[in-house]
Amino acid sequence: MKKVTSILAIVVMAVGMATVVIEDTSNTTEFLNDSMNTAECDDCSTPPDDRKPPKRIA
């Protein structure tokens, strides 16, 4: 019974760690995309209606 409990604890810990890594990677990717869009804006000082849409990242 102790072996089963320890194996379940390890599995739960591994799933939790994987979830944290996936979530962190997702947040980092969104931050980088926002930074790239901000860096690509050539006419950010103009009113929003007059701006060209941002370039797409391939």
Protein backbone atom coordinates (compact mmCIF):
# COMPACT_ATOMS: atom_id res chain seq x y z
CA MET A 1 0.00 0.00 0.00
CA LYS A 2 2.87 2.38 0.74
CA LYS A 3 4.31 1.80 -2.73
CA VAL A 4 0.99 2.62 -4.39
CA THR A 5 0.68 5.81 -2.34
CA SER A 6 4.20 6.93 -3.19
CA ILE A 7 3.72 6.18 -6.89
CA LEU A 8 0.48 8.19 -6.94
CA ALA A 9 2.22 11.07 -5.15
CA ILE A 10 4.98 11.08 -7.78
CA VAL A 11 2.46 11.02 -10.62
CA VAL A 12 0.49 13.91 -9.12
CA MET A 13 3.69 15.90 -8.63
CA ALA A 14 4.83 15.24 -12.22
CA VAL A 15 1.47 16.34 -13.64
CA GLY A 16 1.57 19.49 -11.52
CA MET A 17 5.08 20.34 -12.65
CA ALA A 18 4.16 19.75 -16.31
CA THR A 19 1.14 22.04 -15.94
CA VAL A 20 3.26 24.82 -14.46
CA VAL A 21 5.83 24.54 -17.26
CA ILE A 22 3.16 24.59 -19.98
CA GLU A 23 1.41 27.58 -18.41
CA ASP A 24 4.69 29.50 -18.03
CA THR A 25 5.64 28.80 -21.64
CA SER A 26 2.25 30.02 -22.82
CA ASN A 27 2.55 33.27 -20.84
CA THR A 28 6.07 33.86 -22.17
CA THR A 29 4.91 33.34 -25.75
CA GLU A 30 2.05 35.82 -25.34
CA PHE A 31 4.43 38.39 -23.82
CA LEU A 32 6.89 37.99 -26.71
CA ASN A 33 4.10 38.37 -29.28
CA ASP A 34 2.88 41.55 -27.58
CA SER A 35 6.44 42.90 -27.49
CA MET A 36 6.97 42.14 -31.16
CA ASN A 37 3.71 43.88 -32.12
CA THR A 38 4.73 46.94 -30.12
CA ALA A 39 8.18 47.00 -31.72
CA GLU A 40 6.72 46.76 -35.24
CA CYS A 41 4.37 49.72 -34.87
CA ASP A 42 5.80 52.44 -37.16
CA ASP A 43 3.01 54.97 -36.70
CA CYS A 44 1.91 54.46 -33.09
CA SER A 45 1.59 58.20 -32.50
CA THR A 46 -1.30 58.53 -34.97
CA PRO A 47 -4.92 58.02 -33.86
CA PRO A 48 -6.03 54.36 -33.83
CA ASP A 49 -8.39 54.75 -36.82
CA ASP A 50 -5.56 55.96 -39.09
CA ARG A 51 -3.05 53.22 -38.27
CA LYS A 52 -2.07 50.37 -40.53
CA PRO A 53 -2.71 46.92 -39.00
CA PRO A 54 0.40 45.31 -37.46
CA LYS A 55 2.48 42.92 -39.53
CA ARG A 56 1.86 39.21 -39.01
CA ILE A 57 4.62 37.01 -37.64
CA ALA A 58 5.13 33.91 -39.77
